[in-house]
Full PDB file with SEQRES, HELIX, SHEET, SSBOND, CRYST1, ORIGX, SCALE, CONECT and MASTER records, all heavy atoms in Angstrom:
SEQRES   1 A   41  VAL SER TYR ALA ALA PRO ASP ALA TRP ILE ALA GLU SER          
SEQRES   2 A   41  ASN LEU LEU THR HIS ASP PRO TYR VAL SER ARG LYS GLY          
SEQRES   3 A   41  VAL ARG VAL SER ARG ALA PRO GLU PRO VAL GLN ARG ALA          
SEQRES   4 A   41  ALA LEU                                                      
HELIX    1 AA1 LEU A   15  HIS A   18  1                                   4    
HELIX    2 AA2 VAL A   22  LYS A   25  5                                   4    
HELIX    3 AA3 GLU A   34  ALA A   40  1                                   7    
SHEET    1 AA1 2 SER A   2  TYR A   3  0                                        
SHEET    2 AA1 2 SER A  30  ARG A  31  1                                        
CRYST1    1.000    1.000    1.000  90.00  90.00  90.00 P 1           1          
ORIGX1      1.000000  0.000000  0.000000        0.00000                         
ORIGX2      0.000000  1.000000  0.000000        0.00000                         
ORIGX3      0.000000  0.000000  1.000000        0.00000                         
SCALE1      1.000000  0.000000  0.000000        0.00000                         
SCALE2      0.000000  1.000000  0.000000        0.00000                         
SCALE3      0.000000  0.000000  1.000000        0.00000                         
ATOM      1  N   VAL A   1      -0.933  -7.723  -0.248  1.00  0.00           N  
ATOM      2  CA  VAL A   1      -1.156  -7.808  -1.683  1.00  0.00           C  
ATOM      3  C   VAL A   1       0.077  -8.452  -2.303  1.00  0.00           C  
ATOM      4  O   VAL A   1       1.203  -8.014  -2.049  1.00  0.00           O  
ATOM      5  CB  VAL A   1      -1.388  -6.426  -2.312  1.00  0.00           C  
ATOM      6  CG1 VAL A   1      -1.465  -6.523  -3.830  1.00  0.00           C  
ATOM      7  CG2 VAL A   1      -2.655  -5.772  -1.751  1.00  0.00           C  
ATOM      8  N   SER A   2      -0.135  -9.501  -3.078  1.00  0.00           N  
ATOM      9  CA  SER A   2       0.971 -10.171  -3.752  1.00  0.00           C  
ATOM     10  C   SER A   2       0.671 -10.184  -5.248  1.00  0.00           C  
ATOM     11  O   SER A   2      -0.428 -10.521  -5.658  1.00  0.00           O  
ATOM     12  CB  SER A   2       1.134 -11.600  -3.231  1.00  0.00           C  
ATOM     13  OG  SER A   2       2.318 -12.201  -3.750  1.00  0.00           O  
ATOM     14  N   TYR A   3       1.648  -9.798  -6.054  1.00  0.00           N  
ATOM     15  CA  TYR A   3       1.425  -9.738  -7.489  1.00  0.00           C  
ATOM     16  C   TYR A   3       2.501 -10.525  -8.234  1.00  0.00           C  
ATOM     17  O   TYR A   3       3.584 -10.783  -7.718  1.00  0.00           O  
ATOM     18  CB  TYR A   3       1.375  -8.293  -7.973  1.00  0.00           C  
ATOM     19  CG  TYR A   3       2.675  -7.520  -7.921  1.00  0.00           C  
ATOM     20  CD1 TYR A   3       3.551  -7.505  -9.015  1.00  0.00           C  
ATOM     21  CD2 TYR A   3       3.039  -6.787  -6.796  1.00  0.00           C  
ATOM     22  CE1 TYR A   3       4.738  -6.794  -8.983  1.00  0.00           C  
ATOM     23  CE2 TYR A   3       4.214  -6.072  -6.747  1.00  0.00           C  
ATOM     24  CZ  TYR A   3       5.069  -6.076  -7.844  1.00  0.00           C  
ATOM     25  OH  TYR A   3       6.243  -5.380  -7.810  1.00  0.00           O  
ATOM     26  N   ALA A   4       2.175 -10.923  -9.444  1.00  0.00           N  
ATOM     27  CA  ALA A   4       3.081 -11.720 -10.261  1.00  0.00           C  
ATOM     28  C   ALA A   4       3.844 -10.848 -11.237  1.00  0.00           C  
ATOM     29  O   ALA A   4       4.972 -10.453 -10.977  1.00  0.00           O  
ATOM     30  CB  ALA A   4       2.295 -12.806 -10.999  1.00  0.00           C  
ATOM     31  N   ALA A   5       3.251 -10.510 -12.376  1.00  0.00           N  
ATOM     32  CA  ALA A   5       3.946  -9.735 -13.406  1.00  0.00           C  
ATOM     33  C   ALA A   5       4.072  -8.263 -13.005  1.00  0.00           C  
ATOM     34  O   ALA A   5       3.142  -7.692 -12.458  1.00  0.00           O  
ATOM     35  CB  ALA A   5       3.196  -9.836 -14.731  1.00  0.00           C  
ATOM     36  N   PRO A   6       5.231  -7.665 -13.309  1.00  0.00           N  
ATOM     37  CA  PRO A   6       5.354  -6.225 -13.073  1.00  0.00           C  
ATOM     38  C   PRO A   6       4.606  -5.474 -14.155  1.00  0.00           C  
ATOM     39  O   PRO A   6       4.488  -5.947 -15.282  1.00  0.00           O  
ATOM     40  CB  PRO A   6       6.870  -6.003 -13.206  1.00  0.00           C  
ATOM     41  CG  PRO A   6       7.283  -7.049 -14.203  1.00  0.00           C  
ATOM     42  CD  PRO A   6       6.430  -8.251 -13.900  1.00  0.00           C  
ATOM     43  N   ASP A   7       4.059  -4.322 -13.811  1.00  0.00           N  
ATOM     44  CA  ASP A   7       3.444  -3.464 -14.823  1.00  0.00           C  
ATOM     45  C   ASP A   7       4.305  -2.217 -14.945  1.00  0.00           C  
ATOM     46  O   ASP A   7       4.113  -1.228 -14.235  1.00  0.00           O  
ATOM     47  CB  ASP A   7       2.010  -3.093 -14.437  1.00  0.00           C  
ATOM     48  CG  ASP A   7       1.282  -2.389 -15.573  1.00  0.00           C  
ATOM     49  OD1 ASP A   7       1.947  -1.857 -16.474  1.00  0.00           O  
ATOM     50  OD2 ASP A   7       0.040  -2.385 -15.567  1.00  0.00           O  
ATOM     51  N   ALA A   8       5.287  -2.287 -15.830  1.00  0.00           N  
ATOM     52  CA  ALA A   8       6.219  -1.183 -15.982  1.00  0.00           C  
ATOM     53  C   ALA A   8       5.583   0.058 -16.576  1.00  0.00           C  
ATOM     54  O   ALA A   8       6.168   1.143 -16.512  1.00  0.00           O  
ATOM     55  CB  ALA A   8       7.395  -1.645 -16.862  1.00  0.00           C  
ATOM     56  N   TRP A   9       4.394  -0.093 -17.129  1.00  0.00           N  
ATOM     57  CA  TRP A   9       3.737   1.025 -17.824  1.00  0.00           C  
ATOM     58  C   TRP A   9       2.939   1.911 -16.877  1.00  0.00           C  
ATOM     59  O   TRP A   9       2.994   3.122 -16.954  1.00  0.00           O  
ATOM     60  CB  TRP A   9       2.852   0.477 -18.933  1.00  0.00           C  
ATOM     61  CG  TRP A   9       2.042   1.514 -19.670  1.00  0.00           C  
ATOM     62  CD1 TRP A   9       0.696   1.655 -19.696  1.00  0.00           C  
ATOM     63  CD2 TRP A   9       2.549   2.526 -20.563  1.00  0.00           C  
ATOM     64  NE1 TRP A   9       0.317   2.700 -20.507  1.00  0.00           N  
ATOM     65  CE2 TRP A   9       1.433   3.253 -21.059  1.00  0.00           C  
ATOM     66  CE3 TRP A   9       3.849   2.887 -20.965  1.00  0.00           C  
ATOM     67  CZ2 TRP A   9       1.579   4.320 -21.945  1.00  0.00           C  
ATOM     68  CZ3 TRP A   9       3.974   3.955 -21.830  1.00  0.00           C  
ATOM     69  CH2 TRP A   9       2.865   4.659 -22.312  1.00  0.00           C  
ATOM     70  N   ILE A  10       2.180   1.299 -15.972  1.00  0.00           N  
ATOM     71  CA  ILE A  10       1.225   2.093 -15.198  1.00  0.00           C  
ATOM     72  C   ILE A  10       1.184   1.795 -13.717  1.00  0.00           C  
ATOM     73  O   ILE A  10       0.526   2.488 -12.949  1.00  0.00           O  
ATOM     74  CB  ILE A  10      -0.188   1.925 -15.793  1.00  0.00           C  
ATOM     75  CG1 ILE A  10      -1.130   3.037 -15.328  1.00  0.00           C  
ATOM     76  CG2 ILE A  10      -0.742   0.548 -15.418  1.00  0.00           C  
ATOM     77  CD1 ILE A  10      -2.481   3.015 -15.999  1.00  0.00           C  
ATOM     78  N   ALA A  11       1.873   0.789 -13.261  1.00  0.00           N  
ATOM     79  CA  ALA A  11       1.688   0.304 -11.893  1.00  0.00           C  
ATOM     80  C   ALA A  11       2.020   1.347 -10.839  1.00  0.00           C  
ATOM     81  O   ALA A  11       2.927   2.147 -10.996  1.00  0.00           O  
ATOM     82  CB  ALA A  11       2.543  -0.932 -11.668  1.00  0.00           C  
ATOM     83  N   GLU A  12       1.279   1.283  -9.756  1.00  0.00           N  
ATOM     84  CA  GLU A  12       1.489   2.188  -8.627  1.00  0.00           C  
ATOM     85  C   GLU A  12       1.381   1.433  -7.303  1.00  0.00           C  
ATOM     86  O   GLU A  12       0.753   1.923  -6.368  1.00  0.00           O  
ATOM     87  CB  GLU A  12       0.449   3.319  -8.671  1.00  0.00           C  
ATOM     88  CG  GLU A  12       0.726   4.370  -9.726  1.00  0.00           C  
ATOM     89  CD  GLU A  12       1.958   5.201  -9.421  1.00  0.00           C  
ATOM     90  OE1 GLU A  12       2.396   5.250  -8.249  1.00  0.00           O  
ATOM     91  OE2 GLU A  12       2.484   5.825 -10.357  1.00  0.00           O  
ATOM     92  N   SER A  13       1.970   0.252  -7.243  1.00  0.00           N  
ATOM     93  CA  SER A  13       1.900  -0.498  -5.993  1.00  0.00           C  
ATOM     94  C   SER A  13       2.540   0.287  -4.851  1.00  0.00           C  
ATOM     95  O   SER A  13       2.229   0.059  -3.675  1.00  0.00           O  
ATOM     96  CB  SER A  13       2.595  -1.844  -6.147  1.00  0.00           C  
ATOM     97  OG  SER A  13       1.872  -2.683  -7.004  1.00  0.00           O  
ATOM     98  N   ASN A  14       3.474   1.220  -5.184  1.00  0.00           N  
ATOM     99  CA  ASN A  14       4.091   1.982  -4.098  1.00  0.00           C  
ATOM    100  C   ASN A  14       3.087   2.889  -3.403  1.00  0.00           C  
ATOM    101  O   ASN A  14       3.355   3.423  -2.341  1.00  0.00           O  
ATOM    102  CB  ASN A  14       5.285   2.787  -4.613  1.00  0.00           C  
ATOM    103  CG  ASN A  14       4.905   3.803  -5.681  1.00  0.00           C  
ATOM    104  OD1 ASN A  14       3.769   3.830  -6.164  1.00  0.00           O  
ATOM    105  ND2 ASN A  14       5.851   4.653  -6.053  1.00  0.00           N  
ATOM    106  N   LEU A  15       1.901   3.077  -3.995  1.00  0.00           N  
ATOM    107  CA  LEU A  15       0.852   3.822  -3.321  1.00  0.00           C  
ATOM    108  C   LEU A  15       0.513   3.169  -1.998  1.00  0.00           C  
ATOM    109  O   LEU A  15       0.168   3.835  -1.031  1.00  0.00           O  
ATOM    110  CB  LEU A  15      -0.386   3.900  -4.224  1.00  0.00           C  
ATOM    111  CG  LEU A  15      -1.639   4.652  -3.709  1.00  0.00           C  
ATOM    112  CD1 LEU A  15      -2.384   5.274  -4.879  1.00  0.00           C  
ATOM    113  CD2 LEU A  15      -2.576   3.724  -2.955  1.00  0.00           C  
ATOM    114  N   LEU A  16       0.633   1.842  -1.949  1.00  0.00           N  
ATOM    115  CA  LEU A  16       0.295   1.089  -0.746  1.00  0.00           C  
ATOM    116  C   LEU A  16       1.272   1.350   0.386  1.00  0.00           C  
ATOM    117  O   LEU A  16       0.933   1.221   1.567  1.00  0.00           O  
ATOM    118  CB  LEU A  16       0.254  -0.403  -1.037  1.00  0.00           C  
ATOM    119  CG  LEU A  16      -0.871  -0.872  -1.980  1.00  0.00           C  
ATOM    120  CD1 LEU A  16      -0.629  -2.305  -2.408  1.00  0.00           C  
ATOM    121  CD2 LEU A  16      -2.229  -0.729  -1.313  1.00  0.00           C  
ATOM    122  N   THR A  17       2.496   1.695   0.045  1.00  0.00           N  
ATOM    123  CA  THR A  17       3.521   1.851   1.060  1.00  0.00           C  
ATOM    124  C   THR A  17       4.057   3.275   1.199  1.00  0.00           C  
ATOM    125  O   THR A  17       4.740   3.587   2.185  1.00  0.00           O  
ATOM    126  CB  THR A  17       4.709   0.931   0.747  1.00  0.00           C  
ATOM    127  OG1 THR A  17       5.160   1.167  -0.596  1.00  0.00           O  
ATOM    128  CG2 THR A  17       4.311  -0.536   0.875  1.00  0.00           C  
ATOM    129  N   HIS A  18       3.733   4.165   0.230  1.00  0.00           N  
ATOM    130  CA  HIS A  18       4.301   5.508   0.262  1.00  0.00           C  
ATOM    131  C   HIS A  18       3.276   6.627   0.419  1.00  0.00           C  
ATOM    132  O   HIS A  18       3.621   7.724   0.852  1.00  0.00           O  
ATOM    133  CB  HIS A  18       5.116   5.772  -1.009  1.00  0.00           C  
ATOM    134  CG  HIS A  18       6.392   4.998  -1.066  1.00  0.00           C  
ATOM    135  ND1 HIS A  18       6.423   3.619  -1.236  1.00  0.00           N  
ATOM    136  CD2 HIS A  18       7.679   5.365  -0.954  1.00  0.00           C  
ATOM    137  CE1 HIS A  18       7.684   3.196  -1.260  1.00  0.00           C  
ATOM    138  NE2 HIS A  18       8.455   4.235  -1.084  1.00  0.00           N  
ATOM    139  N   ASP A  19       2.018   6.374   0.067  1.00  0.00           N  
ATOM    140  CA  ASP A  19       1.002   7.409   0.231  1.00  0.00           C  
ATOM    141  C   ASP A  19       0.807   7.679   1.723  1.00  0.00           C  
ATOM    142  O   ASP A  19       0.666   6.739   2.519  1.00  0.00           O  
ATOM    143  CB  ASP A  19      -0.315   6.956  -0.400  1.00  0.00           C  
ATOM    144  CG  ASP A  19      -1.416   7.988  -0.214  1.00  0.00           C  
ATOM    145  OD1 ASP A  19      -1.481   8.941  -1.004  1.00  0.00           O  
ATOM    146  OD2 ASP A  19      -2.212   7.825   0.750  1.00  0.00           O  
ATOM    147  N   PRO A  20       0.784   8.954   2.140  1.00  0.00           N  
ATOM    148  CA  PRO A  20       0.696   9.266   3.567  1.00  0.00           C  
ATOM    149  C   PRO A  20      -0.501   8.630   4.276  1.00  0.00           C  
ATOM    150  O   PRO A  20      -0.377   8.172   5.420  1.00  0.00           O  
ATOM    151  CB  PRO A  20       0.603  10.794   3.583  1.00  0.00           C  
ATOM    152  CG  PRO A  20       1.293  11.220   2.338  1.00  0.00           C  
ATOM    153  CD  PRO A  20       0.950  10.161   1.322  1.00  0.00           C  
ATOM    154  N   TYR A  21      -1.645   8.582   3.615  1.00  0.00           N  
ATOM    155  CA  TYR A  21      -2.833   8.005   4.252  1.00  0.00           C  
ATOM    156  C   TYR A  21      -2.843   6.478   4.118  1.00  0.00           C  
ATOM    157  O   TYR A  21      -2.971   5.743   5.114  1.00  0.00           O  
ATOM    158  CB  TYR A  21      -4.108   8.567   3.634  1.00  0.00           C  
ATOM    159  CG  TYR A  21      -5.363   7.878   4.152  1.00  0.00           C  
ATOM    160  CD1 TYR A  21      -5.800   8.077   5.450  1.00  0.00           C  
ATOM    161  CD2 TYR A  21      -6.086   7.014   3.336  1.00  0.00           C  
ATOM    162  CE1 TYR A  21      -6.928   7.444   5.940  1.00  0.00           C  
ATOM    163  CE2 TYR A  21      -7.233   6.371   3.815  1.00  0.00           C  
ATOM    164  CZ  TYR A  21      -7.637   6.594   5.120  1.00  0.00           C  
ATOM    165  OH  TYR A  21      -8.754   5.933   5.578  1.00  0.00           O  
ATOM    166  N   VAL A  22      -2.697   5.960   2.895  1.00  0.00           N  
ATOM    167  CA  VAL A  22      -2.793   4.527   2.665  1.00  0.00           C  
ATOM    168  C   VAL A  22      -1.708   3.755   3.399  1.00  0.00           C  
ATOM    169  O   VAL A  22      -1.955   2.660   3.930  1.00  0.00           O  
ATOM    170  CB  VAL A  22      -2.750   4.211   1.143  1.00  0.00           C  
ATOM    171  CG1 VAL A  22      -2.776   2.708   0.901  1.00  0.00           C  
ATOM    172  CG2 VAL A  22      -3.919   4.871   0.434  1.00  0.00           C  
ATOM    173  N   SER A  23      -0.512   4.305   3.461  1.00  0.00           N  
ATOM    174  CA  SER A  23       0.593   3.594   4.102  1.00  0.00           C  
ATOM    175  C   SER A  23       0.325   3.336   5.587  1.00  0.00           C  
ATOM    176  O   SER A  23       0.860   2.383   6.169  1.00  0.00           O  
ATOM    177  CB  SER A  23       1.897   4.367   3.946  1.00  0.00           C  
ATOM    178  OG  SER A  23       1.839   5.625   4.583  1.00  0.00           O  
ATOM    179  N   ARG A  24      -0.530   4.151   6.214  1.00  0.00           N  
ATOM    180  CA  ARG A  24      -0.849   3.934   7.631  1.00  0.00           C  
ATOM    181  C   ARG A  24      -1.645   2.655   7.847  1.00  0.00           C  
ATOM    182  O   ARG A  24      -1.750   2.160   8.977  1.00  0.00           O  
ATOM    183  CB  ARG A  24      -1.619   5.139   8.183  1.00  0.00           C  
ATOM    184  CG  ARG A  24      -0.808   6.415   8.290  1.00  0.00           C  
ATOM    185  CD  ARG A  24      -1.392   7.375   9.322  1.00  0.00           C  
ATOM    186  NE  ARG A  24      -2.733   7.811   8.989  1.00  0.00           N  
ATOM    187  CZ  ARG A  24      -3.015   8.899   8.258  1.00  0.00           C  
ATOM    188  NH1 ARG A  24      -2.015   9.632   7.781  1.00  0.00           N  
ATOM    189  NH2 ARG A  24      -4.261   9.234   8.024  1.00  0.00           N  
ATOM    190  N   LYS A  25      -2.203   2.106   6.787  1.00  0.00           N  
ATOM    191  CA  LYS A  25      -2.966   0.866   6.899  1.00  0.00           C  
ATOM    192  C   LYS A  25      -2.054  -0.359   7.005  1.00  0.00           C  
ATOM    193  O   LYS A  25      -2.509  -1.472   7.289  1.00  0.00           O  
ATOM    194  CB  LYS A  25      -3.937   0.726   5.716  1.00  0.00           C  
ATOM    195  CG  LYS A  25      -5.011   1.811   5.724  1.00  0.00           C  
ATOM    196  CD  LYS A  25      -6.003   1.604   4.613  1.00  0.00           C  
ATOM    197  CE  LYS A  25      -7.108   2.660   4.685  1.00  0.00           C  
ATOM    198  NZ  LYS A  25      -7.930   2.553   5.924  1.00  0.00           N  
ATOM    199  N   GLY A  26      -0.780  -0.164   6.709  1.00  0.00           N  
ATOM    200  CA  GLY A  26       0.184  -1.255   6.899  1.00  0.00           C  
ATOM    201  C   GLY A  26       0.046  -2.403   5.923  1.00  0.00           C  
ATOM    202  O   GLY A  26       0.235  -3.564   6.312  1.00  0.00           O  
ATOM    203  N   VAL A  27      -0.258  -2.102   4.671  1.00  0.00           N  
ATOM    204  CA  VAL A  27      -0.397  -3.157   3.659  1.00  0.00           C  
ATOM    205  C   VAL A  27       0.984  -3.663   3.261  1.00  0.00           C  
ATOM    206  O   VAL A  27       1.870  -2.892   2.890  1.00  0.00           O  
ATOM    207  CB  VAL A  27      -1.159  -2.655   2.430  1.00  0.00           C  
ATOM    208  CG1 VAL A  27      -1.290  -3.766   1.386  1.00  0.00           C  
ATOM    209  CG2 VAL A  27      -2.531  -2.119   2.813  1.00  0.00           C  
ATOM    210  N   ARG A  28       1.159  -4.969   3.337  1.00  0.00           N  
ATOM    211  CA  ARG A  28       2.428  -5.593   2.918  1.00  0.00           C  
ATOM    212  C   ARG A  28       2.329  -5.990   1.457  1.00  0.00           C  
ATOM    213  O   ARG A  28       1.287  -6.520   1.022  1.00  0.00           O  
ATOM    214  CB  ARG A  28       2.698  -6.825   3.789  1.00  0.00           C  
ATOM    215  CG  ARG A  28       4.022  -7.528   3.483  1.00  0.00           C  
ATOM    216  CD  ARG A  28       4.358  -8.506   4.588  1.00  0.00           C  
ATOM    217  NE  ARG A  28       3.352  -9.560   4.739  1.00  0.00           N  
ATOM    218  CZ  ARG A  28       3.451 -10.748   4.126  1.00  0.00           C  
ATOM    219  NH1 ARG A  28       4.464 -11.016   3.318  1.00  0.00           N  
ATOM    220  NH2 ARG A  28       2.505 -11.658   4.340  1.00  0.00           N  
ATOM    221  N   VAL A  29       3.386  -5.743   0.688  1.00  0.00           N  
ATOM    222  CA  VAL A  29       3.414  -6.071  -0.731  1.00  0.00           C  
ATOM    223  C   VAL A  29       4.495  -7.116  -0.969  1.00  0.00           C  
ATOM    224  O   VAL A  29       5.631  -6.962  -0.514  1.00  0.00           O  
ATOM    225  CB  VAL A  29       3.689  -4.818  -1.591  1.00  0.00           C  
ATOM    226  CG1 VAL A  29       3.748  -5.193  -3.082  1.00  0.00           C  
ATOM    227  CG2 VAL A  29       2.638  -3.746  -1.348  1.00  0.00           C  
ATOM    228  N   SER A  30       4.145  -8.191  -1.687  1.00  0.00           N  
ATOM    229  CA  SER A  30       5.115  -9.236  -1.988  1.00  0.00           C  
ATOM    230  C   SER A  30       4.959  -9.686  -3.438  1.00  0.00           C  
ATOM    231  O   SER A  30       4.065  -9.208  -4.158  1.00  0.00           O  
ATOM    232  CB  SER A  30       4.943 -10.427  -1.040  1.00  0.00           C  
ATOM    233  OG  SER A  30       3.696 -11.085  -1.247  1.00  0.00           O  
ATOM    234  N   ARG A  31       5.784 -10.619  -3.876  1.00  0.00           N  
ATOM    235  CA  ARG A  31       5.766 -11.119  -5.238  1.00  0.00           C  
ATOM    236  C   ARG A  31       5.447 -12.607  -5.278  1.00  0.00           C  
ATOM    237  O   ARG A  31       5.732 -13.350  -4.338  1.00  0.00           O  
ATOM    238  CB  ARG A  31       7.139 -10.889  -5.910  1.00  0.00           C  
ATOM    239  CG  ARG A  31       7.548  -9.448  -6.057  1.00  0.00           C  
ATOM    240  CD  ARG A  31       6.645  -8.657  -7.008  1.00  0.00           C  
ATOM    241  NE  ARG A  31       6.577  -9.241  -8.328  1.00  0.00           N  
ATOM    242  CZ  ARG A  31       7.476  -9.015  -9.291  1.00  0.00           C  
ATOM    243  NH1 ARG A  31       8.517  -8.237  -9.079  1.00  0.00           N  
ATOM    244  NH2 ARG A  31       7.330  -9.566 -10.484  1.00  0.00           N  
ATOM    245  N   ALA A  32       4.874 -13.013  -6.397  1.00  0.00           N  
ATOM    246  CA  ALA A  32       4.610 -14.435  -6.649  1.00  0.00           C  
ATOM    247  C   ALA A  32       5.914 -15.176  -6.910  1.00  0.00           C  
ATOM    248  O   ALA A  32       6.951 -14.571  -7.174  1.00  0.00           O  
ATOM    249  CB  ALA A  32       3.704 -14.556  -7.870  1.00  0.00           C  
ATOM    250  N   PRO A  33       5.880 -16.515  -6.844  1.00  0.00           N  
ATOM    251  CA  PRO A  33       7.067 -17.293  -7.239  1.00  0.00           C  
ATOM    252  C   PRO A  33       7.474 -16.941  -8.676  1.00  0.00           C  
ATOM    253  O   PRO A  33       6.640 -16.591  -9.513  1.00  0.00           O  
ATOM    254  CB  PRO A  33       6.579 -18.736  -7.125  1.00  0.00           C  
ATOM    255  CG  PRO A  33       5.470 -18.687  -6.135  1.00  0.00           C  
ATOM    256  CD  PRO A  33       4.785 -17.377  -6.382  1.00  0.00           C  
ATOM    257  N   GLU A  34       8.753 -17.053  -8.952  1.00  0.00           N  
ATOM    258  CA  GLU A  34       9.291 -16.619 -10.246  1.00  0.00           C  
ATOM    259  C   GLU A  34       8.599 -17.258 -11.453  1.00  0.00           C  
ATOM    260  O   GLU A  34       8.305 -16.564 -12.434  1.00  0.00           O  
ATOM    261  CB  GLU A  34      10.802 -16.869 -10.279  1.00  0.00           C  
ATOM    262  CG  GLU A  34      11.517 -16.165 -11.427  1.00  0.00           C  
ATOM    263  CD  GLU A  34      11.444 -16.939 -12.727  1.00  0.00           C  
ATOM    264  OE1 GLU A  34      11.305 -18.185 -12.656  1.00  0.00           O  
ATOM    265  OE2 GLU A  34      11.519 -16.315 -13.797  1.00  0.00           O  
ATOM    266  N   PRO A  35       8.303 -18.571 -11.436  1.00  0.00           N  
ATOM    267  CA  PRO A  35       7.629 -19.137 -12.597  1.00  0.00           C  
ATOM    268  C   PRO A  35       6.255 -18.522 -12.849  1.00  0.00           C  
ATOM    269  O   PRO A  35       5.809 -18.376 -13.990  1.00  0.00           O  
ATOM    270  CB  PRO A  35       7.508 -20.632 -12.244  1.00  0.00           C  
ATOM    271  CG  PRO A  35       8.594 -20.881 -11.268  1.00  0.00           C  
ATOM    272  CD  PRO A  35       8.683 -19.624 -10.470  1.00  0.00           C  
ATOM    273  N   VAL A  36       5.554 -18.134 -11.776  1.00  0.00           N  
ATOM    274  CA  VAL A  36       4.253 -17.479 -11.924  1.00  0.00           C  
ATOM    275  C   VAL A  36       4.458 -16.078 -12.507  1.00  0.00           C  
ATOM    276  O   VAL A  36       3.696 -15.632 -13.377  1.00  0.00           O  
ATOM    277  CB  VAL A  36       3.529 -17.404 -10.578  1.00  0.00           C  
ATOM    278  CG1 VAL A  36       2.189 -16.667 -10.730  1.00  0.00           C  
ATOM    279  CG2 VAL A  36       3.308 -18.794 -10.003  1.00  0.00           C  
ATOM    280  N   GLN A  37       5.488 -15.379 -12.049  1.00  0.00           N  
ATOM    281  CA  GLN A  37       5.812 -14.057 -12.598  1.00  0.00           C  
ATOM    282  C   GLN A  37       6.016 -14.142 -14.104  1.00  0.00           C  
ATOM    283  O   GLN A  37       5.478 -13.335 -14.872  1.00  0.00           O  
ATOM    284  CB  GLN A  37       7.078 -13.506 -11.962  1.00  0.00           C  
ATOM    285  CG  GLN A  37       6.980 -13.210 -10.476  1.00  0.00           C  
ATOM    286  CD  GLN A  37       8.286 -12.636  -9.935  1.00  0.00           C  
ATOM    287  OE1 GLN A  37       9.013 -11.928 -10.630  1.00  0.00           O  
ATOM    288  NE2 GLN A  37       8.604 -12.961  -8.686  1.00  0.00           N  
ATOM    289  N   ARG A  38       6.805 -15.128 -14.533  1.00  0.00           N  
ATOM    290  CA  ARG A  38       7.137 -15.263 -15.944  1.00  0.00           C  
ATOM    291  C   ARG A  38       5.904 -15.580 -16.785  1.00  0.00           C  
ATOM    292  O   ARG A  38       5.659 -14.948 -17.814  1.00  0.00           O  
ATOM    293  CB  ARG A  38       8.186 -16.364 -16.122  1.00  0.00           C  
ATOM    294  CG  ARG A  38       8.638 -16.566 -17.587  1.00  0.00           C  
ATOM    295  CD  ARG A  38       9.820 -17.511 -17.674  1.00  0.00           C  
ATOM    296  NE  ARG A  38       9.537 -18.830 -17.115  1.00  0.00           N  
ATOM    297  CZ  ARG A  38      10.093 -19.306 -16.004  1.00  0.00           C  
ATOM    298  NH1 ARG A  38      10.963 -18.580 -15.334  1.00  0.00           N  
ATOM    299  NH2 ARG A  38       9.794 -20.520 -15.568  1.00  0.00           N  
ATOM    300  N   ALA A  39       5.111 -16.540 -16.347  1.00  0.00           N  
ATOM    301  CA  ALA A  39       3.919 -16.918 -17.117  1.00  0.00           C  
ATOM    302  C   ALA A  39       2.934 -15.755 -17.211  1.00  0.00           C  
ATOM    303  O   ALA A  39       2.367 -15.481 -18.269  1.00  0.00           O  
ATOM    304  CB  ALA A  39       3.251 -18.125 -16.476  1.00  0.00           C  
ATOM    305  N   ALA A  40       2.714 -15.067 -16.084  1.00  0.00           N  
ATOM    306  CA  ALA A  40       1.761 -13.963 -16.072  1.00  0.00           C  
ATOM    307  C   ALA A  40       2.217 -12.814 -16.954  1.00  0.00           C  
ATOM    308  O   ALA A  40       1.411 -12.214 -17.683  1.00  0.00           O  
ATOM    309  CB  ALA A  40       1.561 -13.469 -14.642  1.00  0.00           C  
ATOM    310  N   LEU A  41       3.510 -12.498 -16.924  1.00  0.00           N  
ATOM    311  CA  LEU A  41       4.015 -11.390 -17.756  1.00  0.00           C  
ATOM    312  C   LEU A  41       3.923 -11.734 -19.227  1.00  0.00           C  
ATOM    313  O   LEU A  41       3.472 -10.915 -20.041  1.00  0.00           O  
ATOM    314  CB  LEU A  41       5.471 -11.065 -17.371  1.00  0.00           C  
ATOM    315  CG  LEU A  41       6.141  -9.953 -18.178  1.00  0.00           C  
ATOM    316  CD1 LEU A  41       5.311  -8.674 -18.129  1.00  0.00           C  
ATOM    317  CD2 LEU A  41       7.552  -9.690 -17.683  1.00  0.00           C  
TER     318      LEU A  41                                                      
MASTER        0    0    0    3    2    0    0    6  317    1    0    4          
END                                                                             
């Protein structure tokens, strides 16, 4: 899963890497290029 803008209000992307069950699926989380981050935010 790759995302652009951060959601400082509600985001829970750490669920993908920290939840005991979901983390076993090995989902990798990354970020979009910086210009995409800026435009999306």
